[in-house]
Amino acid sequence: MPLSISSWLQVRMLMLYLFGFKPLPALKTIQLHAP
């Protein structure tokens, strides 16, 4: 995997905290930015 589980969770939770994204949009956004 391009990102470790802990890093992915940290990014996802940070995005949720800062921007209030719901899980699916956040997941799609992370997938777009993943290498």
PDB file of N, CA and C in Angstrom:
ATOM      1  N   MET A   1       0.837  -1.198   0.000  1.00  0.00           N
ATOM      2  CA  MET A   1       0.000   0.000   0.000  1.00  0.00           C
ATOM      3  C   MET A   1       0.877   1.255   0.000  1.00  0.00           C
ATOM      4  N   PRO A   2       0.431   2.318  -0.693  1.00  0.00           N
ATOM      5  CA  PRO A   2       1.199   3.561  -0.744  1.00  0.00           C
ATOM      6  C   PRO A   2       1.281   4.234   0.630  1.00  0.00           C
ATOM      7  N   LEU A   3       0.247   4.072   1.455  1.00  0.00           N
ATOM      8  CA  LEU A   3       0.239   4.673   2.782  1.00  0.00           C
ATOM      9  C   LEU A   3       0.053   3.587   3.830  1.00  0.00           C
ATOM     10  N   SER A   4       0.671   3.772   4.977  1.00  0.00           N
ATOM     11  CA  SER A   4       0.447   2.852   6.087  1.00  0.00           C
ATOM     12  C   SER A   4      -0.949   3.098   6.658  1.00  0.00           C
ATOM     13  N   ILE A   5      -1.462   2.112   7.375  1.00  0.00           N
ATOM     14  CA  ILE A   5      -2.803   2.238   7.944  1.00  0.00           C
ATOM     15  C   ILE A   5      -2.880   3.448   8.874  1.00  0.00           C
ATOM     16  N   SER A   6      -1.875   3.613   9.723  1.00  0.00           N
ATOM     17  CA  SER A   6      -1.898   4.718  10.688  1.00  0.00           C
ATOM     18  C   SER A   6      -1.875   6.069   9.973  1.00  0.00           C
ATOM     19  N   SER A   7      -1.053   6.193   8.935  1.00  0.00           N
ATOM     20  CA  SER A   7      -0.972   7.459   8.194  1.00  0.00           C
ATOM     21  C   SER A   7      -2.303   7.753   7.506  1.00  0.00           C
ATOM     22  N   TRP A   8      -2.918   6.725   6.899  1.00  0.00           N
ATOM     23  CA  TRP A   8      -4.198   6.910   6.210  1.00  0.00           C
ATOM     24  C   TRP A   8      -5.267   7.357   7.194  1.00  0.00           C
ATOM     25  N   LEU A   9      -5.291   6.705   8.367  1.00  0.00           N
ATOM     26  CA  LEU A   9      -6.289   7.079   9.371  1.00  0.00           C
ATOM     27  C   LEU A   9      -6.052   8.494   9.874  1.00  0.00           C
ATOM     28  N   GLN A  10      -4.791   8.859  10.073  1.00  0.00           N
ATOM     29  CA  GLN A  10      -4.484  10.206  10.556  1.00  0.00           C
ATOM     30  C   GLN A  10      -4.957  11.244   9.548  1.00  0.00           C
ATOM     31  N   VAL A  11      -4.661  11.027   8.280  1.00  0.00           N
ATOM     32  CA  VAL A  11      -5.085  11.971   7.241  1.00  0.00           C
ATOM     33  C   VAL A  11      -6.599  12.038   7.167  1.00  0.00           C
ATOM     34  N   ARG A  12      -7.251  10.882   7.193  1.00  0.00           N
ATOM     35  CA  ARG A  12      -8.707  10.849   7.073  1.00  0.00           C
ATOM     36  C   ARG A  12      -9.359  11.548   8.262  1.00  0.00           C
ATOM     37  N   MET A  13      -8.886  11.244   9.458  1.00  0.00           N
ATOM     38  CA  MET A  13      -9.481  11.861  10.643  1.00  0.00           C
ATOM     39  C   MET A  13      -9.199  13.359  10.678  1.00  0.00           C
ATOM     40  N   LEU A  14      -8.005  13.766  10.220  1.00  0.00           N
ATOM     41  CA  LEU A  14      -7.676  15.188  10.172  1.00  0.00           C
ATOM     42  C   LEU A  14      -8.612  15.915   9.216  1.00  0.00           C
ATOM     43  N   MET A  15      -8.850  15.316   8.059  1.00  0.00           N
ATOM     44  CA  MET A  15      -9.757  15.921   7.084  1.00  0.00           C
ATOM     45  C   MET A  15     -11.168  16.005   7.649  1.00  0.00           C
ATOM     46  N   LEU A  16     -11.602  14.925   8.292  1.00  0.00           N
ATOM     47  CA  LEU A  16     -12.938  14.933   8.889  1.00  0.00           C
ATOM     48  C   LEU A  16     -13.048  16.031   9.945  1.00  0.00           C
ATOM     49  N   TYR A  17     -11.978  16.178  10.746  1.00  0.00           N
ATOM     50  CA  TYR A  17     -11.994  17.153  11.832  1.00  0.00           C
ATOM     51  C   TYR A  17     -12.001  18.579  11.287  1.00  0.00           C
ATOM     52  N   LEU A  18     -11.152  18.849  10.300  1.00  0.00           N
ATOM     53  CA  LEU A  18     -11.000  20.215   9.803  1.00  0.00           C
ATOM     54  C   LEU A  18     -12.141  20.633   8.885  1.00  0.00           C
ATOM     55  N   PHE A  19     -12.572  19.727   8.013  1.00  0.00           N
ATOM     56  CA  PHE A  19     -13.498  20.116   6.952  1.00  0.00           C
ATOM     57  C   PHE A  19     -14.894  19.528   7.113  1.00  0.00           C
ATOM     58  N   GLY A  20     -15.050  18.605   8.054  1.00  0.00           N
ATOM     59  CA  GLY A  20     -16.369  18.037   8.279  1.00  0.00           C
ATOM     60  C   GLY A  20     -16.821  17.120   7.154  1.00  0.00           C
ATOM     61  N   PHE A  21     -15.858  16.571   6.391  1.00  0.00           N
ATOM     62  CA  PHE A  21     -16.234  15.643   5.328  1.00  0.00           C
ATOM     63  C   PHE A  21     -16.852  14.382   5.926  1.00  0.00           C
ATOM     64  N   LYS A  22     -17.805  13.813   5.196  1.00  0.00           N
ATOM     65  CA  LYS A  22     -18.332  12.505   5.580  1.00  0.00           C
ATOM     66  C   LYS A  22     -17.360  11.432   5.087  1.00  0.00           C
ATOM     67  N   PRO A  23     -17.442  10.217   5.671  1.00  0.00           N
ATOM     68  CA  PRO A  23     -16.450   9.174   5.349  1.00  0.00           C
ATOM     69  C   PRO A  23     -16.280   8.914   3.853  1.00  0.00           C
ATOM     70  N   LEU A  24     -17.366   8.806   3.092  1.00  0.00           N
ATOM     71  CA  LEU A  24     -17.220   8.473   1.675  1.00  0.00           C
ATOM     72  C   LEU A  24     -16.512   9.569   0.883  1.00  0.00           C
ATOM     73  N   PRO A  25     -16.925  10.847   0.982  1.00  0.00           N
ATOM     74  CA  PRO A  25     -16.191  11.900   0.275  1.00  0.00           C
ATOM     75  C   PRO A  25     -14.726  11.968   0.689  1.00  0.00           C
ATOM     76  N   ALA A  26     -14.449  11.776   1.973  1.00  0.00           N
ATOM     77  CA  ALA A  26     -13.064  11.813   2.448  1.00  0.00           C
ATOM     78  C   ALA A  26     -12.283  10.666   1.825  1.00  0.00           C
ATOM     79  N   LEU A  27     -12.892   9.486   1.780  1.00  0.00           N
ATOM     80  CA  LEU A  27     -12.232   8.323   1.195  1.00  0.00           C
ATOM     81  C   LEU A  27     -11.936   8.575  -0.279  1.00  0.00           C
ATOM     82  N   LYS A  28     -12.910   9.127  -1.009  1.00  0.00           N
ATOM     83  CA  LYS A  28     -12.710   9.407  -2.435  1.00  0.00           C
ATOM     84  C   LYS A  28     -11.599  10.435  -2.630  1.00  0.00           C
ATOM     85  N   THR A  29     -11.555  11.443  -1.770  1.00  0.00           N
ATOM     86  CA  THR A  29     -10.527  12.472  -1.880  1.00  0.00           C
ATOM     87  C   THR A  29      -9.148  11.873  -1.658  1.00  0.00           C
ATOM     88  N   ILE A  30      -9.022  11.022  -0.644  1.00  0.00           N
ATOM     89  CA  ILE A  30      -7.734  10.385  -0.365  1.00  0.00           C
ATOM     90  C   ILE A  30      -7.325   9.506  -1.539  1.00  0.00           C
ATOM     91  N   GLN A  31      -8.286   8.800  -2.137  1.00  0.00           N
ATOM     92  CA  GLN A  31      -7.974   7.934  -3.274  1.00  0.00           C
ATOM     93  C   GLN A  31      -7.482   8.764  -4.455  1.00  0.00           C
ATOM     94  N   LEU A  32      -8.053   9.949  -4.650  1.00  0.00           N
ATOM     95  CA  LEU A  32      -7.627  10.810  -5.747  1.00  0.00           C
ATOM     96  C   LEU A  32      -6.184  11.261  -5.562  1.00  0.00           C
ATOM     97  N   HIS A  33      -5.789  11.515  -4.317  1.00  0.00           N
ATOM     98  CA  HIS A  33      -4.453  12.035  -4.045  1.00  0.00           C
ATOM     99  C   HIS A  33      -3.426  10.926  -3.820  1.00  0.00           C
ATOM    100  N   ALA A  34      -3.889   9.676  -3.707  1.00  0.00           N
ATOM    101  CA  ALA A  34      -2.950   8.564  -3.509  1.00  0.00           C
ATOM    102  C   ALA A  34      -2.174   8.307  -4.805  1.00  0.00           C
ATOM    103  N   PRO A  35      -0.911   7.951  -4.684  1.00  0.00           N
ATOM    104  CA  PRO A  35      -0.096   7.682  -5.868  1.00  0.00           C
ATOM    105  C   PRO A  35      -0.551   6.419  -6.601  1.00  0.00           C
TER     106      PRO A  35
END
